Amino acid sequence: MTEASPRTDRLRGLEQEVGVMVRRIRRVIRLRAQAVHPELPSSSYLMLSWLITHGAQRSSAMAEAFGIDKGAISRQLQHLVELDLVDRSPDPDDGRATLISASAAAADRMAAVADERRRWLDARLGDWSEADLDTFVELLRRYNHALEEHPPERALH
């Protein structure tokens, strides 16, 4: 067992607070998904959000972006089609391929849910200065960048 140092204690504190944030984010994503459509699973909400950000995509690009197999993507996309949240269209660059995009109704609903969430967040962080928000965003950006650039080979993250 290694001796605790002030840095180790700080890192434990970071792990604990990130754990709280992850649990909160999972709950928020679940609630946002339900606000978009009562039958929308959290994982499909993330996929729909990604499509809105990246525009029409082939399912193979989605499988690569999410690191899951094409079959799982296909099943989730089929459910999104059944919920009228995504549209399929022929790929103009390859008539054999299909592009997937968020439906206009899904994009509108996602935007409304995001606006509502930002208003809620603004109310909760109303006493934070612009400088506090800028600092927090920058620190989160640095944190995410550090973890992305140096993924642990054996550590759990």
N, C-alpha and C. Protein backbone atom coordinates (compact mmCIF):
# COMPACT_ATOMS: atom_id res chain seq x y z
N MET A 1 0.84 -1.17 0.00
CA MET A 1 0.00 0.00 0.00
C MET A 1 0.89 1.24 0.00
N THR A 2 0.61 2.16 -0.90
CA THR A 2 1.43 3.35 -0.99
C THR A 2 0.93 4.41 -0.01
N GLU A 3 1.87 5.21 0.43
CA GLU A 3 1.55 6.27 1.38
C GLU A 3 0.84 7.41 0.65
N ALA A 4 -0.18 7.94 1.27
CA ALA A 4 -0.93 9.03 0.68
C ALA A 4 -0.12 10.31 0.74
N SER A 5 -0.12 11.04 -0.34
CA SER A 5 0.53 12.33 -0.40
C SER A 5 -0.56 13.38 -0.65
N PRO A 6 -0.22 14.65 -0.47
CA PRO A 6 -1.23 15.67 -0.78
C PRO A 6 -1.73 15.56 -2.23
N ARG A 7 -0.84 15.22 -3.15
CA ARG A 7 -1.25 15.07 -4.56
C ARG A 7 -2.21 13.88 -4.70
N THR A 8 -1.90 12.77 -4.04
CA THR A 8 -2.77 11.59 -4.08
C THR A 8 -4.15 11.94 -3.53
N ASP A 9 -4.17 12.69 -2.43
CA ASP A 9 -5.45 13.11 -1.86
C ASP A 9 -6.22 13.98 -2.84
N ARG A 10 -5.53 14.87 -3.53
CA ARG A 10 -6.19 15.72 -4.52
C ARG A 10 -6.74 14.89 -5.68
N LEU A 11 -5.95 13.92 -6.12
CA LEU A 11 -6.41 13.06 -7.22
C LEU A 11 -7.61 12.22 -6.79
N ARG A 12 -7.61 11.75 -5.54
CA ARG A 12 -8.78 11.04 -5.03
C ARG A 12 -10.00 11.95 -5.02
N GLY A 13 -9.80 13.20 -4.59
CA GLY A 13 -10.89 14.17 -4.61
C GLY A 13 -11.40 14.40 -6.02
N LEU A 14 -10.47 14.48 -6.99
CA LEU A 14 -10.86 14.63 -8.39
C LEU A 14 -11.68 13.43 -8.85
N GLU A 15 -11.20 12.23 -8.54
CA GLU A 15 -11.93 11.02 -8.93
C GLU A 15 -13.34 11.02 -8.33
N GLN A 16 -13.44 11.42 -7.07
CA GLN A 16 -14.74 11.43 -6.41
C GLN A 16 -15.68 12.44 -7.08
N GLU A 17 -15.19 13.63 -7.34
CA GLU A 17 -16.05 14.66 -7.95
C GLU A 17 -16.41 14.30 -9.39
N VAL A 18 -15.48 13.71 -10.12
CA VAL A 18 -15.79 13.26 -11.48
C VAL A 18 -16.85 12.16 -11.43
N GLY A 19 -16.75 11.27 -10.43
CA GLY A 19 -17.76 10.23 -10.27
C GLY A 19 -19.15 10.82 -10.04
N VAL A 20 -19.22 11.84 -9.19
CA VAL A 20 -20.50 12.53 -8.96
C VAL A 20 -21.00 13.14 -10.28
N MET A 21 -20.09 13.78 -11.01
CA MET A 21 -20.47 14.41 -12.27
C MET A 21 -20.96 13.37 -13.28
N VAL A 22 -20.29 12.24 -13.36
CA VAL A 22 -20.70 11.18 -14.30
C VAL A 22 -22.10 10.67 -13.96
N ARG A 23 -22.36 10.44 -12.68
CA ARG A 23 -23.70 9.97 -12.28
C ARG A 23 -24.75 11.02 -12.62
N ARG A 24 -24.44 12.28 -12.40
CA ARG A 24 -25.37 13.36 -12.73
C ARG A 24 -25.60 13.43 -14.24
N ILE A 25 -24.53 13.32 -15.00
CA ILE A 25 -24.64 13.38 -16.46
C ILE A 25 -25.50 12.22 -16.98
N ARG A 26 -25.30 11.03 -16.43
CA ARG A 26 -26.13 9.89 -16.86
C ARG A 26 -27.60 10.15 -16.59
N ARG A 27 -27.91 10.72 -15.42
CA ARG A 27 -29.30 11.03 -15.09
C ARG A 27 -29.84 12.11 -16.02
N VAL A 28 -29.05 13.14 -16.29
CA VAL A 28 -29.48 14.22 -17.17
C VAL A 28 -29.73 13.69 -18.58
N ILE A 29 -28.85 12.85 -19.08
CA ILE A 29 -29.02 12.29 -20.42
C ILE A 29 -30.29 11.45 -20.48
N ARG A 30 -30.54 10.67 -19.43
CA ARG A 30 -31.77 9.87 -19.40
C ARG A 30 -33.00 10.78 -19.43
N LEU A 31 -32.98 11.85 -18.65
CA LEU A 31 -34.11 12.79 -18.61
C LEU A 31 -34.26 13.53 -19.93
N ARG A 32 -33.16 13.93 -20.53
CA ARG A 32 -33.22 14.60 -21.84
C ARG A 32 -33.79 13.67 -22.90
N ALA A 33 -33.33 12.42 -22.87
CA ALA A 33 -33.84 11.44 -23.85
C ALA A 33 -35.35 11.30 -23.71
N GLN A 34 -35.83 11.19 -22.49
CA GLN A 34 -37.28 11.06 -22.26
C GLN A 34 -38.02 12.31 -22.71
N ALA A 35 -37.39 13.48 -22.56
CA ALA A 35 -38.03 14.73 -22.99
C ALA A 35 -38.13 14.81 -24.50
N VAL A 36 -37.17 14.21 -25.20
CA VAL A 36 -37.23 14.18 -26.67
C VAL A 36 -38.31 13.21 -27.12
N HIS A 37 -38.31 12.02 -26.53
CA HIS A 37 -39.32 11.00 -26.85
C HIS A 37 -39.35 10.02 -25.69
N PRO A 38 -40.54 9.67 -25.20
CA PRO A 38 -40.63 8.77 -24.04
C PRO A 38 -39.96 7.41 -24.23
N GLU A 39 -39.80 6.98 -25.47
CA GLU A 39 -39.21 5.66 -25.74
C GLU A 39 -37.76 5.75 -26.20
N LEU A 40 -37.15 6.92 -26.07
CA LEU A 40 -35.77 7.10 -26.54
C LEU A 40 -34.78 6.69 -25.46
N PRO A 41 -33.98 5.64 -25.71
CA PRO A 41 -32.96 5.24 -24.74
C PRO A 41 -31.81 6.26 -24.69
N SER A 42 -31.13 6.30 -23.57
CA SER A 42 -30.02 7.24 -23.40
C SER A 42 -28.96 7.08 -24.48
N SER A 43 -28.61 5.84 -24.79
CA SER A 43 -27.56 5.62 -25.79
C SER A 43 -27.99 6.14 -27.16
N SER A 44 -29.26 6.00 -27.47
CA SER A 44 -29.75 6.51 -28.75
C SER A 44 -29.84 8.03 -28.74
N TYR A 45 -30.09 8.61 -27.57
CA TYR A 45 -30.08 10.07 -27.44
C TYR A 45 -28.69 10.61 -27.81
N LEU A 46 -27.65 9.95 -27.30
CA LEU A 46 -26.28 10.37 -27.61
C LEU A 46 -26.00 10.24 -29.10
N MET A 47 -26.50 9.18 -29.70
CA MET A 47 -26.32 8.97 -31.13
C MET A 47 -27.04 10.07 -31.93
N LEU A 48 -28.25 10.39 -31.52
CA LEU A 48 -29.03 11.43 -32.18
C LEU A 48 -28.34 12.78 -32.03
N SER A 49 -27.82 13.07 -30.87
CA SER A 49 -27.09 14.30 -30.63
C SER A 49 -25.86 14.38 -31.53
N TRP A 50 -25.17 13.26 -31.67
CA TRP A 50 -23.98 13.21 -32.53
C TRP A 50 -24.36 13.49 -33.98
N LEU A 51 -25.47 12.92 -34.42
CA LEU A 51 -25.93 13.16 -35.79
C LEU A 51 -26.26 14.63 -36.02
N ILE A 52 -26.87 15.26 -35.05
CA ILE A 52 -27.21 16.68 -35.18
C ILE A 52 -25.93 17.50 -35.30
N THR A 53 -24.93 17.15 -34.52
CA THR A 53 -23.65 17.87 -34.56
C THR A 53 -22.90 17.63 -35.86
N HIS A 54 -22.88 16.38 -36.33
CA HIS A 54 -22.05 16.01 -37.48
C HIS A 54 -22.78 15.96 -38.81
N GLY A 55 -24.08 16.08 -38.80
CA GLY A 55 -24.83 16.01 -40.05
C GLY A 55 -25.00 14.58 -40.52
N ALA A 56 -25.57 14.44 -41.71
CA ALA A 56 -25.85 13.12 -42.26
C ALA A 56 -24.58 12.28 -42.36
N GLN A 57 -24.70 11.02 -41.93
CA GLN A 57 -23.54 10.13 -41.87
C GLN A 57 -23.94 8.72 -42.30
N ARG A 58 -22.95 7.99 -42.74
CA ARG A 58 -23.15 6.55 -42.96
C ARG A 58 -23.11 5.86 -41.60
N SER A 59 -23.80 4.75 -41.51
CA SER A 59 -23.79 4.01 -40.24
C SER A 59 -22.39 3.52 -39.89
N SER A 60 -21.55 3.25 -40.89
CA SER A 60 -20.18 2.81 -40.62
C SER A 60 -19.39 3.91 -39.91
N ALA A 61 -19.62 5.16 -40.26
CA ALA A 61 -18.94 6.27 -39.57
C ALA A 61 -19.41 6.36 -38.12
N MET A 62 -20.68 6.07 -37.92
CA MET A 62 -21.22 6.10 -36.56
C MET A 62 -20.63 4.97 -35.73
N ALA A 63 -20.51 3.79 -36.33
CA ALA A 63 -19.93 2.65 -35.62
C ALA A 63 -18.50 2.97 -35.20
N GLU A 64 -17.76 3.61 -36.08
CA GLU A 64 -16.38 3.98 -35.77
C GLU A 64 -16.34 5.05 -34.67
N ALA A 65 -17.19 6.05 -34.78
CA ALA A 65 -17.20 7.14 -33.80
C ALA A 65 -17.57 6.65 -32.40
N PHE A 66 -18.49 5.69 -32.33
CA PHE A 66 -18.96 5.20 -31.03
C PHE A 66 -18.22 3.95 -30.56
N GLY A 67 -17.39 3.39 -31.44
CA GLY A 67 -16.62 2.22 -31.05
C GLY A 67 -17.48 0.99 -30.79
N ILE A 68 -18.57 0.87 -31.54
CA ILE A 68 -19.42 -0.31 -31.40
C ILE A 68 -19.65 -0.91 -32.79
N ASP A 69 -20.05 -2.17 -32.81
CA ASP A 69 -20.18 -2.86 -34.09
C ASP A 69 -21.38 -2.35 -34.89
N LYS A 70 -21.30 -2.59 -36.18
CA LYS A 70 -22.34 -2.09 -37.10
C LYS A 70 -23.72 -2.66 -36.79
N GLY A 71 -23.76 -3.89 -36.30
CA GLY A 71 -25.05 -4.50 -35.95
C GLY A 71 -25.75 -3.74 -34.85
N ALA A 72 -24.99 -3.34 -33.83
CA ALA A 72 -25.58 -2.57 -32.72
C ALA A 72 -26.05 -1.21 -33.21
N ILE A 73 -25.27 -0.59 -34.07
CA ILE A 73 -25.67 0.71 -34.65
C ILE A 73 -26.95 0.52 -35.46
N SER A 74 -26.99 -0.52 -36.25
CA SER A 74 -28.16 -0.78 -37.10
C SER A 74 -29.42 -0.96 -36.26
N ARG A 75 -29.32 -1.70 -35.17
CA ARG A 75 -30.49 -1.90 -34.30
C ARG A 75 -30.95 -0.58 -33.68
N GLN A 76 -30.01 0.21 -33.20
CA GLN A 76 -30.38 1.50 -32.60
C GLN A 76 -30.98 2.42 -33.65
N LEU A 77 -30.40 2.43 -34.84
CA LEU A 77 -30.93 3.29 -35.90
C LEU A 77 -32.33 2.85 -36.30
N GLN A 78 -32.57 1.56 -36.36
CA GLN A 78 -33.91 1.08 -36.71
C GLN A 78 -34.94 1.57 -35.70
N HIS A 79 -34.57 1.54 -34.43
CA HIS A 79 -35.47 2.04 -33.39
C HIS A 79 -35.70 3.54 -33.56
N LEU A 80 -34.65 4.29 -33.88
CA LEU A 80 -34.80 5.72 -34.12
C LEU A 80 -35.68 6.01 -35.33
N VAL A 81 -35.58 5.19 -36.35
CA VAL A 81 -36.46 5.33 -37.53
C VAL A 81 -37.90 5.08 -37.11
N GLU A 82 -38.14 4.03 -36.33
CA GLU A 82 -39.49 3.72 -35.87
C GLU A 82 -40.09 4.85 -35.03
N LEU A 83 -39.23 5.59 -34.32
CA LEU A 83 -39.69 6.72 -33.51
C LEU A 83 -39.78 8.02 -34.32
N ASP A 84 -39.49 7.94 -35.61
CA ASP A 84 -39.48 9.11 -36.50
C ASP A 84 -38.48 10.17 -36.07
N LEU A 85 -37.35 9.72 -35.53
CA LEU A 85 -36.32 10.66 -35.08
C LEU A 85 -35.15 10.76 -36.04
N VAL A 86 -35.02 9.80 -36.95
CA VAL A 86 -33.98 9.89 -37.98
C VAL A 86 -34.59 9.60 -39.34
N ASP A 87 -33.91 10.14 -40.34
CA ASP A 87 -34.29 9.90 -41.74
C ASP A 87 -33.15 9.17 -42.43
N ARG A 88 -33.51 8.38 -43.40
CA ARG A 88 -32.52 7.70 -44.24
C ARG A 88 -32.65 8.26 -45.65
N SER A 89 -31.50 8.45 -46.31
CA SER A 89 -31.50 8.93 -47.69
C SER A 89 -30.33 8.31 -48.42
N PRO A 90 -30.44 8.20 -49.75
CA PRO A 90 -29.32 7.65 -50.52
C PRO A 90 -28.10 8.57 -50.41
N ASP A 91 -26.93 7.97 -50.34
CA ASP A 91 -25.69 8.73 -50.33
C ASP A 91 -25.42 9.22 -51.75
N PRO A 92 -25.33 10.53 -51.97
CA PRO A 92 -25.11 11.03 -53.33
C PRO A 92 -23.76 10.62 -53.92
N ASP A 93 -22.81 10.28 -53.05
CA ASP A 93 -21.48 9.85 -53.52
C ASP A 93 -21.43 8.36 -53.85
N ASP A 94 -22.39 7.59 -53.34
CA ASP A 94 -22.42 6.15 -53.56
C ASP A 94 -23.86 5.70 -53.41
N GLY A 95 -24.52 5.48 -54.53
CA GLY A 95 -25.94 5.11 -54.53
C GLY A 95 -26.26 3.84 -53.77
N ARG A 96 -25.25 3.00 -53.51
CA ARG A 96 -25.48 1.77 -52.75
C ARG A 96 -25.55 2.04 -51.26
N ALA A 97 -25.01 3.17 -50.82
CA ALA A 97 -24.93 3.49 -49.39
C ALA A 97 -26.08 4.39 -48.97
N THR A 98 -26.34 4.40 -47.68
CA THR A 98 -27.41 5.21 -47.10
C THR A 98 -26.82 6.18 -46.09
N LEU A 99 -27.36 7.39 -46.10
CA LEU A 99 -26.98 8.38 -45.10
C LEU A 99 -28.09 8.47 -44.05
N ILE A 100 -27.68 8.63 -42.83
CA ILE A 100 -28.60 8.76 -41.71
C ILE A 100 -28.51 10.18 -41.20
N SER A 101 -29.66 10.81 -40.96
CA SER A 101 -29.66 12.16 -40.40
C SER A 101 -30.81 12.28 -39.41
N ALA A 102 -30.66 13.23 -38.50
CA ALA A 102 -31.75 13.51 -37.55
C ALA A 102 -32.91 14.11 -38.32
N SER A 103 -34.11 13.69 -37.98
CA SER A 103 -35.28 14.28 -38.63
C SER A 103 -35.42 15.73 -38.16
N ALA A 104 -36.15 16.53 -38.91
CA ALA A 104 -36.37 17.93 -38.54
C ALA A 104 -37.07 18.01 -37.18
N ALA A 105 -38.03 17.14 -36.95
CA ALA A 105 -38.74 17.14 -35.67
C ALA A 105 -37.79 16.80 -34.53
N ALA A 106 -36.89 15.83 -34.74
CA ALA A 106 -35.92 15.46 -33.71
C ALA A 106 -34.98 16.62 -33.42
N ALA A 107 -34.50 17.28 -34.48
CA ALA A 107 -33.59 18.42 -34.29
C ALA A 107 -34.28 19.54 -33.52
N ASP A 108 -35.52 19.81 -33.84
CA ASP A 108 -36.28 20.85 -33.12
C ASP A 108 -36.45 20.48 -31.66
N ARG A 109 -36.82 19.23 -31.40
CA ARG A 109 -37.04 18.80 -30.02
C ARG A 109 -35.74 18.79 -29.23
N MET A 110 -34.66 18.34 -29.86
CA MET A 110 -33.35 18.33 -29.20
C MET A 110 -32.92 19.76 -28.85
N ALA A 111 -33.15 20.70 -29.77
CA ALA A 111 -32.80 22.10 -29.52
C ALA A 111 -33.61 22.66 -28.36
N ALA A 112 -34.90 22.34 -28.31
CA ALA A 112 -35.75 22.83 -27.23
C ALA A 112 -35.30 22.26 -25.88
N VAL A 113 -34.96 20.99 -25.86
CA VAL A 113 -34.49 20.35 -24.62
C VAL A 113 -33.17 20.98 -24.18
N ALA A 114 -32.26 21.24 -25.12
CA ALA A 114 -30.97 21.85 -24.78
C ALA A 114 -31.17 23.28 -24.26
N ASP A 115 -32.07 24.03 -24.88
CA ASP A 115 -32.35 25.39 -24.41
C ASP A 115 -32.90 25.37 -22.99
N GLU A 116 -33.81 24.45 -22.74
CA GLU A 116 -34.39 24.32 -21.40
C GLU A 116 -33.30 23.97 -20.38
N ARG A 117 -32.42 23.06 -20.75
CA ARG A 117 -31.34 22.65 -19.85
C ARG A 117 -30.39 23.82 -19.58
N ARG A 118 -30.08 24.63 -20.60
CA ARG A 118 -29.19 25.77 -20.40
C ARG A 118 -29.83 26.80 -19.47
N ARG A 119 -31.12 27.02 -19.61
CA ARG A 119 -31.81 27.94 -18.70
C ARG A 119 -31.74 27.42 -17.27
N TRP A 120 -31.97 26.14 -17.09
CA TRP A 120 -31.88 25.52 -15.76
C TRP A 120 -30.47 25.68 -15.19
N LEU A 121 -29.48 25.38 -16.02
CA LEU A 121 -28.09 25.48 -15.60
C LEU A 121 -27.73 26.92 -15.25
N ASP A 122 -28.18 27.87 -16.06
CA ASP A 122 -27.91 29.28 -15.80
C ASP A 122 -28.51 29.70 -14.47
N ALA A 123 -29.71 29.22 -14.16
CA ALA A 123 -30.34 29.55 -12.88
C ALA A 123 -29.52 28.98 -11.72
N ARG A 124 -28.99 27.77 -11.87
CA ARG A 124 -28.22 27.14 -10.80
C ARG A 124 -26.85 27.78 -10.63
N LEU A 125 -26.29 28.28 -11.72
CA LEU A 125 -24.95 28.88 -11.67
C LEU A 125 -25.02 30.41 -11.76
N GLY A 126 -26.15 30.96 -11.41
CA GLY A 126 -26.36 32.40 -11.51
C GLY A 126 -25.37 33.23 -10.73
N ASP A 127 -24.83 32.68 -9.64
CA ASP A 127 -23.87 33.44 -8.84
C ASP A 127 -22.43 33.25 -9.31
N TRP A 128 -22.23 32.47 -10.37
CA TRP A 128 -20.90 32.31 -10.94
C TRP A 128 -20.64 33.48 -11.88
N SER A 129 -19.46 34.06 -11.78
CA SER A 129 -19.10 35.15 -12.69
C SER A 129 -18.76 34.57 -14.07
N GLU A 130 -18.68 35.45 -15.04
CA GLU A 130 -18.25 35.03 -16.38
C GLU A 130 -16.84 34.42 -16.30
N ALA A 131 -16.00 35.03 -15.48
CA ALA A 131 -14.63 34.52 -15.32
C ALA A 131 -14.64 33.11 -14.71
N ASP A 132 -15.52 32.87 -13.72
CA ASP A 132 -15.64 31.54 -13.13
C ASP A 132 -16.05 30.52 -14.18
N LEU A 133 -17.05 30.87 -14.98
CA LEU A 133 -17.50 29.95 -16.03
C LEU A 133 -16.40 29.70 -17.04
N ASP A 134 -15.71 30.76 -17.47
CA ASP A 134 -14.61 30.60 -18.44
C ASP A 134 -13.52 29.70 -17.87
N THR A 135 -13.17 29.90 -16.60
CA THR A 135 -12.13 29.10 -15.96
C THR A 135 -12.56 27.64 -15.87
N PHE A 136 -13.80 27.40 -15.46
CA PHE A 136 -14.29 26.03 -15.33
C PHE A 136 -14.29 25.32 -16.68
N VAL A 137 -14.77 26.01 -17.71
CA VAL A 137 -14.79 25.42 -19.06
C VAL A 137 -13.36 25.10 -19.51
N GLU A 138 -12.45 26.03 -19.28
CA GLU A 138 -11.06 25.80 -19.69
C GLU A 138 -10.43 24.64 -18.92
N LEU A 139 -10.70 24.55 -17.64
CA LEU A 139 -10.15 23.43 -16.86
C LEU A 139 -10.74 22.10 -17.31
N LEU A 140 -12.03 22.06 -17.59
CA LEU A 140 -12.63 20.83 -18.12
C LEU A 140 -12.04 20.47 -19.48
N ARG A 141 -11.82 21.48 -20.32
CA ARG A 141 -11.20 21.25 -21.63
C ARG A 141 -9.81 20.65 -21.46
N ARG A 142 -9.02 21.23 -20.56
CA ARG A 142 -7.67 20.72 -20.31
C ARG A 142 -7.71 19.30 -19.77
N TYR A 143 -8.62 19.04 -18.85
CA TYR A 143 -8.79 17.71 -18.27
C TYR A 143 -9.12 16.69 -19.37
N ASN A 144 -10.12 17.01 -20.18
CA ASN A 144 -10.52 16.10 -21.26
C ASN A 144 -9.40 15.91 -22.27
N HIS A 145 -8.72 16.97 -22.60
CA HIS A 145 -7.60 16.87 -23.56
C HIS A 145 -6.48 15.99 -23.00
N ALA A 146 -6.16 16.18 -21.72
CA ALA A 146 -5.09 15.39 -21.11
C ALA A 146 -5.43 13.90 -21.12
N LEU A 147 -6.68 13.58 -20.87
CA LEU A 147 -7.08 12.17 -20.86
C LEU A 147 -7.18 11.60 -22.26
N GLU A 148 -7.56 12.42 -23.22
CA GLU A 148 -7.68 11.96 -24.60
C GLU A 148 -6.31 11.74 -25.23
N GLU A 149 -5.39 12.63 -24.95
CA GLU A 149 -4.06 12.57 -25.56
C GLU A 149 -3.20 11.46 -24.98
N HIS A 150 -3.48 11.05 -23.75
CA HIS A 150 -2.65 10.06 -23.09
C HIS A 150 -3.53 8.98 -22.46
N PRO A 151 -4.20 8.18 -23.31
CA PRO A 151 -5.09 7.17 -22.73
C PRO A 151 -4.29 6.13 -21.94
N PRO A 152 -4.80 5.76 -20.79
CA PRO A 152 -4.10 4.75 -19.98
C PRO A 152 -4.15 3.40 -20.66
N GLU A 153 -3.04 2.71 -20.64
CA GLU A 153 -3.00 1.39 -21.28
C GLU A 153 -3.60 0.33 -20.39
N ARG A 154 -3.39 0.44 -19.09
CA ARG A 154 -3.89 -0.58 -18.18
C ARG A 154 -4.81 -0.02 -17.12
N ALA A 155 -4.82 1.28 -16.98
CA ALA A 155 -5.63 1.89 -15.91
C ALA A 155 -7.09 1.94 -16.33
N LEU A 156 -7.93 1.83 -15.34
CA LEU A 156 -9.36 1.99 -15.61
C LEU A 156 -9.65 3.46 -15.59
N HIS A 157 -10.47 3.92 -16.55
CA HIS A 157 -10.81 5.35 -16.58
C HIS A 157 -12.27 5.56 -16.71
